[in-house]
């Protein structure tokens, strides 16, 4: 019985081996090189692909949205009801001045997570694979910034929704609000290049966050986000009036109020252009040498 079974199994194995004929080198090469190679993606396509990758990371790890949802809500509620009565007589009056500024503060502060994400990918070795691809070299970094632009938009929508519930009424209407948010996102996109540089330069993500907060706290708190500069000492006004965050907050506030603060808008766009012009090349140099 066992002999018959072994004979049957041997016959079956022989038949299977006969079916799996050896692959010739010529036929394998014909399969691999058959058809045309896909075209090389251009700069825009590669950047959008990496931007989509950043969005997918948010989809798979939704906890990343905590800083653009819960954090802005907490900031609006805390500062409005803590300082509203003392600074403007009532929270309802103070939020008309505060909300555009606190919107700028929240979005500018979450720009540092671009550098953190870059640093994490470097530590995991993902960048080594990206740099070996036949793509436009800056597309990897630009993709991070495009993906984070969605985070800035979400944070802006959340804060504006909370502000409207609390009594914020922008005299500029929908056009003024949209213009202010667009200006804020453009500036934040440029500002993120700073943290991208630190993400490439520093060794750990904790170092990136520490350096970022050390820079962001003076820039955001020593501005006109909470109070007007006229109430500050003269020596402090010199810094506050030349602070890029002050120019941005004043521009966004003016647009939402229905005016067109051309000087502040020009300053904000000028700072954005300067940040890209300075930190963009430095970041790419570090990226190429990493």
C-alpha atoms as a PDB file:
ATOM      1  CA  UNK A   1       0.000   0.000   0.000  1.00  0.00           C
ATOM      2  CA  UNK A   2       2.715   2.424   1.007  1.00  0.00           C
ATOM      3  CA  UNK A   3       4.767   1.460  -2.019  1.00  0.00           C
ATOM      4  CA  UNK A   4       1.840   2.260  -4.313  1.00  0.00           C
ATOM      5  CA  UNK A   5       1.328   5.575  -2.557  1.00  0.00           C
ATOM      6  CA  UNK A   6       4.990   6.488  -2.891  1.00  0.00           C
ATOM      7  CA  UNK A   7       4.922   5.538  -6.561  1.00  0.00           C
ATOM      8  CA  UNK A   8       1.824   7.656  -7.097  1.00  0.00           C
ATOM      9  CA  UNK A   9       3.380  10.626  -5.266  1.00  0.00           C
ATOM     10  CA  UNK A  10       6.585  10.248  -7.232  1.00  0.00           C
ATOM     11  CA  UNK A  11       4.672  10.207 -10.484  1.00  0.00           C
ATOM     12  CA  UNK A  12       2.724  13.325  -9.485  1.00  0.00           C
ATOM     13  CA  UNK A  13       5.903  15.145  -8.497  1.00  0.00           C
ATOM     14  CA  UNK A  14       7.507  14.225 -11.800  1.00  0.00           C
ATOM     15  CA  UNK A  15       4.494  15.540 -13.691  1.00  0.00           C
ATOM     16  CA  UNK A  16       4.562  18.848 -11.733  1.00  0.00           C
ATOM     17  CA  UNK A  17       8.262  19.202 -12.417  1.00  0.00           C
ATOM     18  CA  UNK A  18       7.679  18.611 -16.087  1.00  0.00           C
ATOM     19  CA  UNK A  19       5.015  21.334 -16.124  1.00  0.00           C
ATOM     20  CA  UNK A  20       7.431  23.817 -14.495  1.00  0.00           C
ATOM     21  CA  UNK A  21       9.907  23.989 -17.325  1.00  0.00           C
ATOM     22  CA  UNK A  22      13.037  26.071 -16.707  1.00  0.00           C
ATOM     23  CA  UNK A  23      12.762  29.711 -17.759  1.00  0.00           C
ATOM     24  CA  UNK A  24      15.131  30.704 -20.499  1.00  0.00           C
ATOM     25  CA  UNK A  25      17.197  33.839 -20.042  1.00  0.00           C
ATOM     26  CA  UNK A  26      15.997  35.240 -23.360  1.00  0.00           C
ATOM     27  CA  UNK A  27      12.321  34.842 -22.498  1.00  0.00           C
ATOM     28  CA  UNK A  28      12.810  36.426 -19.062  1.00  0.00           C
ATOM     29  CA  UNK A  29      14.638  39.392 -20.555  1.00  0.00           C
ATOM     30  CA  UNK A  30      11.864  39.815 -23.139  1.00  0.00           C
ATOM     31  CA  UNK A  31       9.267  39.989 -20.359  1.00  0.00           C
ATOM     32  CA  UNK A  32      11.229  42.501 -18.291  1.00  0.00           C
ATOM     33  CA  UNK A  33      12.016  44.904 -21.119  1.00  0.00           C
ATOM     34  CA  UNK A  34       8.738  44.476 -22.982  1.00  0.00           C
ATOM     35  CA  UNK A  35       6.909  47.754 -23.500  1.00  0.00           C
ATOM     36  CA  UNK A  36       8.083  51.284 -22.852  1.00  0.00           C
ATOM     37  CA  UNK A  37       9.374  52.502 -19.511  1.00  0.00           C
ATOM     38  CA  UNK A  38       6.992  54.875 -17.723  1.00  0.00           C
ATOM     39  CA  UNK A  39       7.861  58.541 -18.255  1.00  0.00           C
ATOM     40  CA  UNK A  40       9.868  60.282 -15.573  1.00  0.00           C
ATOM     41  CA  UNK A  41       7.551  62.397 -13.354  1.00  0.00           C
ATOM     42  CA  UNK A  42       7.984  66.121 -13.562  1.00  0.00           C
ATOM     43  CA  UNK A  43       8.550  68.374 -10.557  1.00  0.00           C
ATOM     44  CA  UNK A  44       4.849  69.050  -9.955  1.00  0.00           C
ATOM     45  CA  UNK A  45       3.816  65.401 -10.197  1.00  0.00           C
ATOM     46  CA  UNK A  46       6.563  64.273  -7.828  1.00  0.00           C
ATOM     47  CA  UNK A  47       5.760  67.026  -5.302  1.00  0.00           C
ATOM     48  CA  UNK A  48       2.042  66.221  -5.355  1.00  0.00           C
ATOM     49  CA  UNK A  49       2.802  62.520  -4.890  1.00  0.00           C
ATOM     50  CA  UNK A  50       4.846  63.181  -1.780  1.00  0.00           C
ATOM     51  CA  UNK A  51       2.182  65.616  -0.595  1.00  0.00           C
ATOM     52  CA  UNK A  52      -0.382  62.834  -0.932  1.00  0.00           C
ATOM     53  CA  UNK A  53       1.946  60.598   1.070  1.00  0.00           C
ATOM     54  CA  UNK A  54       1.923  63.144   3.897  1.00  0.00           C
ATOM     55  CA  UNK A  55      -1.879  63.225   3.810  1.00  0.00           C
ATOM     56  CA  UNK A  56      -2.059  59.422   3.936  1.00  0.00           C
ATOM     57  CA  UNK A  57       0.098  59.483   7.063  1.00  0.00           C
ATOM     58  CA  UNK A  58      -2.560  61.653   8.686  1.00  0.00           C
ATOM     59  CA  UNK A  59      -5.236  59.179   7.566  1.00  0.00           C
ATOM     60  CA  UNK A  60      -3.451  56.224   9.136  1.00  0.00           C
ATOM     61  CA  UNK A  61      -2.440  58.123  12.284  1.00  0.00           C
ATOM     62  CA  UNK A  62      -5.372  60.485  12.954  1.00  0.00           C
ATOM     63  CA  UNK A  63      -3.884  61.425  16.328  1.00  0.00           C
ATOM     64  CA  UNK A  64      -1.692  63.832  14.349  1.00  0.00           C
ATOM     65  CA  UNK A  65      -4.743  66.084  13.986  1.00  0.00           C
ATOM     66  CA  UNK A  66      -4.846  66.760  17.723  1.00  0.00           C
ATOM     67  CA  UNK A  67      -2.618  69.808  17.361  1.00  0.00           C
ATOM     68  CA  UNK A  68      -4.861  71.314  14.673  1.00  0.00           C
ATOM     69  CA  UNK A  69      -8.192  70.609  16.374  1.00  0.00           C
ATOM     70  CA  UNK A  70      -8.091  70.380  20.168  1.00  0.00           C
ATOM     71  CA  UNK A  71      -5.117  72.728  20.603  1.00  0.00           C
ATOM     72  CA  UNK A  72      -6.632  75.690  18.685  1.00  0.00           C
ATOM     73  CA  UNK A  73      -9.973  75.285  20.482  1.00  0.00           C
ATOM     74  CA  UNK A  74      -8.210  75.307  23.847  1.00  0.00           C
ATOM     75  CA  UNK A  75      -6.237  78.421  22.882  1.00  0.00           C
ATOM     76  CA  UNK A  76      -9.300  80.385  21.813  1.00  0.00           C
ATOM     77  CA  UNK A  77     -11.328  79.505  24.896  1.00  0.00           C
ATOM     78  CA  UNK A  78      -8.505  80.042  27.362  1.00  0.00           C
ATOM     79  CA  UNK A  79      -7.236  83.414  26.155  1.00  0.00           C
ATOM     80  CA  UNK A  80     -10.678  84.855  25.411  1.00  0.00           C
ATOM     81  CA  UNK A  81     -12.156  84.153  28.816  1.00  0.00           C
ATOM     82  CA  UNK A  82      -8.956  84.742  30.795  1.00  0.00           C
ATOM     83  CA  UNK A  83      -8.007  88.122  29.339  1.00  0.00           C
ATOM     84  CA  UNK A  84     -11.177  89.338  27.619  1.00  0.00           C
ATOM     85  CA  UNK A  85     -12.694  91.099  30.608  1.00  0.00           C
ATOM     86  CA  UNK A  86      -9.430  92.699  31.736  1.00  0.00           C
ATOM     87  CA  UNK A  87      -8.220  93.884  28.333  1.00  0.00           C
ATOM     88  CA  UNK A  88     -11.374  94.769  26.428  1.00  0.00           C
ATOM     89  CA  UNK A  89     -14.186  94.918  28.968  1.00  0.00           C
ATOM     90  CA  UNK A  90     -15.817  91.647  27.886  1.00  0.00           C
ATOM     91  CA  UNK A  91     -14.895  88.414  26.096  1.00  0.00           C
ATOM     92  CA  UNK A  92     -17.261  89.310  23.241  1.00  0.00           C
ATOM     93  CA  UNK A  93     -15.347  92.529  22.550  1.00  0.00           C
ATOM     94  CA  UNK A  94     -11.918  90.986  22.972  1.00  0.00           C
ATOM     95  CA  UNK A  95     -12.505  88.091  20.584  1.00  0.00           C
ATOM     96  CA  UNK A  96     -12.961  90.539  17.699  1.00  0.00           C
ATOM     97  CA  UNK A  97      -9.324  91.558  18.179  1.00  0.00           C
ATOM     98  CA  UNK A  98      -7.945  88.250  19.479  1.00  0.00           C
ATOM     99  CA  UNK A  99      -9.238  85.639  17.048  1.00  0.00           C
ATOM    100  CA  UNK A 100      -7.241  86.662  13.940  1.00  0.00           C
ATOM    101  CA  UNK A 101      -4.111  86.883  16.081  1.00  0.00           C
ATOM    102  CA  UNK A 102      -4.625  83.591  17.885  1.00  0.00           C
ATOM    103  CA  UNK A 103      -5.341  81.999  14.506  1.00  0.00           C
ATOM    104  CA  UNK A 104      -1.935  83.196  13.305  1.00  0.00           C
ATOM    105  CA  UNK A 105      -0.288  81.994  16.506  1.00  0.00           C
ATOM    106  CA  UNK A 106      -1.764  78.485  16.346  1.00  0.00           C
ATOM    107  CA  UNK A 107      -0.951  77.888  12.683  1.00  0.00           C
ATOM    108  CA  UNK A 108       2.560  79.346  12.924  1.00  0.00           C
ATOM    109  CA  UNK A 109       3.333  77.163  15.936  1.00  0.00           C
ATOM    110  CA  UNK A 110       2.296  73.911  14.239  1.00  0.00           C
ATOM    111  CA  UNK A 111       4.666  74.594  11.341  1.00  0.00           C
ATOM    112  CA  UNK A 112       7.430  73.052  13.439  1.00  0.00           C
ATOM    113  CA  UNK A 113       5.958  69.581  12.884  1.00  0.00           C
ATOM    114  CA  UNK A 114       7.260  69.683   9.319  1.00  0.00           C
ATOM    115  CA  UNK A 115      10.800  69.527  10.655  1.00  0.00           C
ATOM    116  CA  UNK A 116       9.824  66.806  13.118  1.00  0.00           C
ATOM    117  CA  UNK A 117       8.377  64.643  10.322  1.00  0.00           C
ATOM    118  CA  UNK A 118      11.499  65.089   8.214  1.00  0.00           C
ATOM    119  CA  UNK A 119      13.721  64.117  11.124  1.00  0.00           C
ATOM    120  CA  UNK A 120      11.657  60.975  11.848  1.00  0.00           C
ATOM    121  CA  UNK A 121      11.884  59.826   8.216  1.00  0.00           C
ATOM    122  CA  UNK A 122      15.630  60.369   8.231  1.00  0.00           C
ATOM    123  CA  UNK A 123      15.984  58.285  11.400  1.00  0.00           C
ATOM    124  CA  UNK A 124      13.977  55.473   9.788  1.00  0.00           C
ATOM    125  CA  UNK A 125      16.126  55.494   6.651  1.00  0.00           C
ATOM    126  CA  UNK A 126      13.254  56.477   4.349  1.00  0.00           C
ATOM    127  CA  UNK A 127      15.195  59.390   2.870  1.00  0.00           C
ATOM    128  CA  UNK A 128      17.912  57.076   1.595  1.00  0.00           C
ATOM    129  CA  UNK A 129      15.328  55.423  -0.615  1.00  0.00           C
ATOM    130  CA  UNK A 130      13.847  58.732  -1.759  1.00  0.00           C
ATOM    131  CA  UNK A 131      17.221  60.109  -2.806  1.00  0.00           C
ATOM    132  CA  UNK A 132      17.845  57.074  -5.028  1.00  0.00           C
ATOM    133  CA  UNK A 133      14.684  57.698  -7.062  1.00  0.00           C
ATOM    134  CA  UNK A 134      14.875  59.438 -10.480  1.00  0.00           C
ATOM    135  CA  UNK A 135      12.767  62.410  -9.393  1.00  0.00           C
ATOM    136  CA  UNK A 136      13.146  66.126  -8.911  1.00  0.00           C
ATOM    137  CA  UNK A 137      15.326  66.328  -5.822  1.00  0.00           C
ATOM    138  CA  UNK A 138      13.387  68.992  -3.826  1.00  0.00           C
ATOM    139  CA  UNK A 139      10.025  67.233  -4.422  1.00  0.00           C
ATOM    140  CA  UNK A 140      10.402  65.196  -1.227  1.00  0.00           C
ATOM    141  CA  UNK A 141      10.637  68.296   0.944  1.00  0.00           C
ATOM    142  CA  UNK A 142       8.054  70.259  -1.035  1.00  0.00           C
ATOM    143  CA  UNK A 143       5.667  67.320  -0.579  1.00  0.00           C
ATOM    144  CA  UNK A 144       5.983  67.613   3.194  1.00  0.00           C
ATOM    145  CA  UNK A 145       5.106  71.296   3.000  1.00  0.00           C
ATOM    146  CA  UNK A 146       2.123  70.701   0.694  1.00  0.00           C
ATOM    147  CA  UNK A 147       0.776  68.028   3.019  1.00  0.00           C
ATOM    148  CA  UNK A 148       1.135  70.334   5.997  1.00  0.00           C
ATOM    149  CA  UNK A 149      -0.780  73.053   4.135  1.00  0.00           C
ATOM    150  CA  UNK A 150      -3.842  70.837   4.636  1.00  0.00           C
ATOM    151  CA  UNK A 151      -3.165  70.833   8.381  1.00  0.00           C
ATOM    152  CA  UNK A 152      -2.985  74.635   8.386  1.00  0.00           C
ATOM    153  CA  UNK A 153      -6.302  74.811   6.552  1.00  0.00           C
ATOM    154  CA  UNK A 154      -7.977  72.445   9.016  1.00  0.00           C
ATOM    155  CA  UNK A 155      -6.673  74.453  11.968  1.00  0.00           C
ATOM    156  CA  UNK A 156      -7.981  77.681  10.421  1.00  0.00           C
ATOM    157  CA  UNK A 157     -11.439  76.242   9.774  1.00  0.00           C
ATOM    158  CA  UNK A 158     -11.675  74.836  13.304  1.00  0.00           C
ATOM    159  CA  UNK A 159     -10.670  78.097  14.947  1.00  0.00           C
ATOM    160  CA  UNK A 160     -12.976  80.207  12.802  1.00  0.00           C
ATOM    161  CA  UNK A 161     -15.891  77.887  13.547  1.00  0.00           C
ATOM    162  CA  UNK A 162     -15.255  78.133  17.288  1.00  0.00           C
ATOM    163  CA  UNK A 163     -14.845  81.890  17.026  1.00  0.00           C
ATOM    164  CA  UNK A 164     -18.163  82.305  15.217  1.00  0.00           C
ATOM    165  CA  UNK A 165     -19.868  80.288  17.931  1.00  0.00           C
ATOM    166  CA  UNK A 166     -18.290  82.527  20.577  1.00  0.00           C
ATOM    167  CA  UNK A 167     -19.402  85.721  18.863  1.00  0.00           C
ATOM    168  CA  UNK A 168     -16.676  86.625  16.369  1.00  0.00           C
ATOM    169  CA  UNK A 169     -18.147  88.625  13.496  1.00  0.00           C
ATOM    170  CA  UNK A 170     -15.683  89.547  10.711  1.00  0.00           C
ATOM    171  CA  UNK A 171     -16.717  92.748   8.937  1.00  0.00           C
ATOM    172  CA  UNK A 172     -14.738  91.654   5.881  1.00  0.00           C
ATOM    173  CA  UNK A 173     -17.205  88.857   5.181  1.00  0.00           C
ATOM    174  CA  UNK A 174     -16.297  85.635   3.468  1.00  0.00           C
ATOM    175  CA  UNK A 175     -13.864  87.343   1.082  1.00  0.00           C
ATOM    176  CA  UNK A 176     -11.873  88.919   3.890  1.00  0.00           C
ATOM    177  CA  UNK A 177     -11.734  85.704   5.893  1.00  0.00           C
ATOM    178  CA  UNK A 178     -10.613  83.647   2.888  1.00  0.00           C
ATOM    179  CA  UNK A 179      -7.989  86.239   1.956  1.00  0.00           C
ATOM    180  CA  UNK A 180      -6.632  86.246   5.501  1.00  0.00           C
ATOM    181  CA  UNK A 181      -6.436  82.443   5.645  1.00  0.00           C
ATOM    182  CA  UNK A 182      -4.705  82.267   2.252  1.00  0.00           C
ATOM    183  CA  UNK A 183      -2.119  84.831   3.352  1.00  0.00           C
ATOM    184  CA  UNK A 184      -1.556  82.866   6.563  1.00  0.00           C
ATOM    185  CA  UNK A 185      -1.054  79.580   4.683  1.00  0.00           C
ATOM    186  CA  UNK A 186       1.394  81.203   2.228  1.00  0.00           C
ATOM    187  CA  UNK A 187       3.473  82.601   5.089  1.00  0.00           C
ATOM    188  CA  UNK A 188       3.340  79.291   7.004  1.00  0.00           C
ATOM    189  CA  UNK A 189       4.481  77.384   3.903  1.00  0.00           C
ATOM    190  CA  UNK A 190       7.526  79.660   3.690  1.00  0.00           C
ATOM    191  CA  UNK A 191       8.138  79.540   7.448  1.00  0.00           C
ATOM    192  CA  UNK A 192       8.148  75.720   7.400  1.00  0.00           C
ATOM    193  CA  UNK A 193      11.425  75.787   5.460  1.00  0.00           C
ATOM    194  CA  UNK A 194      13.116  76.921   8.659  1.00  0.00           C
ATOM    195  CA  UNK A 195      12.025  73.813  10.552  1.00  0.00           C
ATOM    196  CA  UNK A 196      12.796  71.584   7.566  1.00  0.00           C
ATOM    197  CA  UNK A 197      16.358  72.825   7.802  1.00  0.00           C
ATOM    198  CA  UNK A 198      16.484  72.012  11.512  1.00  0.00           C
ATOM    199  CA  UNK A 199      14.946  68.596  10.805  1.00  0.00           C
ATOM    200  CA  UNK A 200      17.902  67.836   8.528  1.00  0.00           C
ATOM    201  CA  UNK A 201      20.469  69.473  10.786  1.00  0.00           C
ATOM    202  CA  UNK A 202      19.602  68.102  14.225  1.00  0.00           C
ATOM    203  CA  UNK A 203      19.900  64.494  15.321  1.00  0.00           C
ATOM    204  CA  UNK A 204      16.623  63.779  17.119  1.00  0.00           C
ATOM    205  CA  UNK A 205      13.018  64.893  16.863  1.00  0.00           C
ATOM    206  CA  UNK A 206      13.132  66.142  20.469  1.00  0.00           C
ATOM    207  CA  UNK A 207      15.976  68.460  19.518  1.00  0.00           C
ATOM    208  CA  UNK A 208      13.935  69.803  16.611  1.00  0.00           C
ATOM    209  CA  UNK A 209      10.960  70.489  18.874  1.00  0.00           C
ATOM    210  CA  UNK A 210      13.134  72.104  21.546  1.00  0.00           C
ATOM    211  CA  UNK A 211      14.849  74.501  19.151  1.00  0.00           C
ATOM    212  CA  UNK A 212      11.555  75.275  17.411  1.00  0.00           C
ATOM    213  CA  UNK A 213       9.780  76.211  20.632  1.00  0.00           C
ATOM    214  CA  UNK A 214      12.739  78.346  21.712  1.00  0.00           C
ATOM    215  CA  UNK A 215      12.299  80.396  18.538  1.00  0.00           C
ATOM    216  CA  UNK A 216       8.516  80.325  18.278  1.00  0.00           C
ATOM    217  CA  UNK A 217       7.656  81.481  21.786  1.00  0.00           C
ATOM    218  CA  UNK A 218       9.393  84.878  21.522  1.00  0.00           C
ATOM    219  CA  UNK A 219       8.088  85.434  17.983  1.00  0.00           C
ATOM    220  CA  UNK A 220       4.460  84.691  18.861  1.00  0.00           C
ATOM    221  CA  UNK A 221       4.155  86.139  22.357  1.00  0.00           C
ATOM    222  CA  UNK A 222       6.247  89.265  21.664  1.00  0.00           C
ATOM    223  CA  UNK A 223       3.843  90.479  18.988  1.00  0.00           C
ATOM    224  CA  UNK A 224       0.500  92.235  18.689  1.00  0.00           C
ATOM    225  CA  UNK A 225      -1.487  88.988  18.891  1.00  0.00           C
ATOM    226  CA  UNK A 226      -2.841  89.678  22.397  1.00  0.00           C
ATOM    227  CA  UNK A 227      -2.503  93.436  22.888  1.00  0.00           C
ATOM    228  CA  UNK A 228      -1.662  96.479  20.778  1.00  0.00           C
ATOM    229  CA  UNK A 229       2.026  97.505  20.752  1.00  0.00           C
ATOM    230  CA  UNK A 230       1.134 101.037  21.911  1.00  0.00           C
ATOM    231  CA  UNK A 231       0.636  99.708  25.440  1.00  0.00           C
ATOM    232  CA  UNK A 232       4.173  98.247  25.622  1.00  0.00           C
ATOM    233  CA  UNK A 233       7.440  99.875  26.719  1.00  0.00           C
ATOM    234  CA  UNK A 234       9.338 101.693  23.988  1.00  0.00           C
ATOM    235  CA  UNK A 235      12.246  99.237  23.867  1.00  0.00           C
ATOM    236  CA  UNK A 236       9.825  96.326  23.444  1.00  0.00           C
ATOM    237  CA  UNK A 237       7.855  98.124  20.739  1.00  0.00           C
ATOM    238  CA  UNK A 238      11.011  98.267  18.620  1.00  0.00           C
ATOM    239  CA  UNK A 239      11.082  94.471  18.488  1.00  0.00           C
ATOM    240  CA  UNK A 240       7.321  93.931  18.271  1.00  0.00           C
ATOM    241  CA  UNK A 241       6.826  96.389  15.410  1.00  0.00           C
ATOM    242  CA  UNK A 242       9.514  94.631  13.336  1.00  0.00           C
ATOM    243  CA  UNK A 243       8.437  91.111  14.224  1.00  0.00           C
ATOM    244  CA  UNK A 244       7.247  89.166  11.124  1.00  0.00           C
ATOM    245  CA  UNK A 245       4.465  87.594  13.193  1.00  0.00           C
ATOM    246  CA  UNK A 246       3.217  91.094  14.067  1.00  0.00           C
ATOM    247  CA  UNK A 247       3.045  92.034  10.383  1.00  0.00           C
ATOM    248  CA  UNK A 248       1.221  88.802   9.588  1.00  0.00           C
ATOM    249  CA  UNK A 249      -1.263  89.100  12.458  1.00  0.00           C
ATOM    250  CA  UNK A 250      -1.995  92.733  11.572  1.00  0.00           C
ATOM    251  CA  UNK A 251      -2.520  91.828   7.915  1.00  0.00           C
ATOM    252  CA  UNK A 252      -4.858  88.928   8.691  1.00  0.00           C
ATOM    253  CA  UNK A 253      -6.753  91.032  11.231  1.00  0.00           C
ATOM    254  CA  UNK A 254      -7.137  93.890   8.770  1.00  0.00           C
ATOM    255  CA  UNK A 255      -8.406  91.614   5.998  1.00  0.00           C
ATOM    256  CA  UNK A 256     -10.986  90.051   8.289  1.00  0.00           C
ATOM    257  CA  UNK A 257     -12.078  93.490   9.464  1.00  0.00           C
ATOM    258  CA  UNK A 258     -12.794  94.484   5.887  1.00  0.00           C
ATOM    259  CA  UNK A 259      -9.849  96.820   5.254  1.00  0.00           C
ATOM    260  CA  UNK A 260      -6.930  96.262   2.917  1.00  0.00           C
ATOM    261  CA  UNK A 261      -3.715  96.777   4.957  1.00  0.00           C
ATOM    262  CA  UNK A 262      -1.423  96.913   1.941  1.00  0.00           C
ATOM    263  CA  UNK A 263       1.710  97.722   3.951  1.00  0.00           C
ATOM    264  CA  UNK A 264       1.235  94.774   6.321  1.00  0.00           C
ATOM    265  CA  UNK A 265       0.386  92.437   3.447  1.00  0.00           C
ATOM    266  CA  UNK A 266       3.519  93.526   1.612  1.00  0.00           C
ATOM    267  CA  UNK A 267       5.621  92.986   4.734  1.00  0.00           C
ATOM    268  CA  UNK A 268       4.130  89.507   5.253  1.00  0.00           C
ATOM    269  CA  UNK A 269       4.758  88.460   1.650  1.00  0.00           C
ATOM    270  CA  UNK A 270       8.227  89.989   1.773  1.00  0.00           C
ATOM    271  CA  UNK A 271       9.088  87.993   4.887  1.00  0.00           C
ATOM    272  CA  UNK A 272       7.732  84.847   3.216  1.00  0.00           C
ATOM    273  CA  UNK A 273       9.874  85.419   0.129  1.00  0.00           C
ATOM    274  CA  UNK A 274      12.941  86.113   2.262  1.00  0.00           C
ATOM    275  CA  UNK A 275      12.463  82.925   4.289  1.00  0.00           C
ATOM    276  CA  UNK A 276      12.220  80.791   1.152  1.00  0.00           C
ATOM    277  CA  UNK A 277      15.167  82.557  -0.490  1.00  0.00           C
ATOM    278  CA  UNK A 278      17.413  82.047   2.539  1.00  0.00           C
ATOM    279  CA  UNK A 279      16.350  78.721   4.026  1.00  0.00           C
ATOM    280  CA  UNK A 280      15.309  76.957   0.822  1.00  0.00           C
ATOM    281  CA  UNK A 281      18.848  76.719  -0.654  1.00  0.00           C
ATOM    282  CA  UNK A 282      20.352  75.958   2.779  1.00  0.00           C
ATOM    283  CA  UNK A 283      17.838  73.146   3.302  1.00  0.00           C
ATOM    284  CA  UNK A 284      18.527  71.633  -0.130  1.00  0.00           C
ATOM    285  CA  UNK A 285      22.273  71.809   0.468  1.00  0.00           C
ATOM    286  CA  UNK A 286      21.860  69.907   3.733  1.00  0.00           C
ATOM    287  CA  UNK A 287      19.534  67.433   2.038  1.00  0.00           C
ATOM    288  CA  UNK A 288      22.054  66.706  -0.729  1.00  0.00           C
ATOM    289  CA  UNK A 289      24.835  66.193   1.775  1.00  0.00           C
ATOM    290  CA  UNK A 290      22.803  64.186   4.306  1.00  0.00           C
END
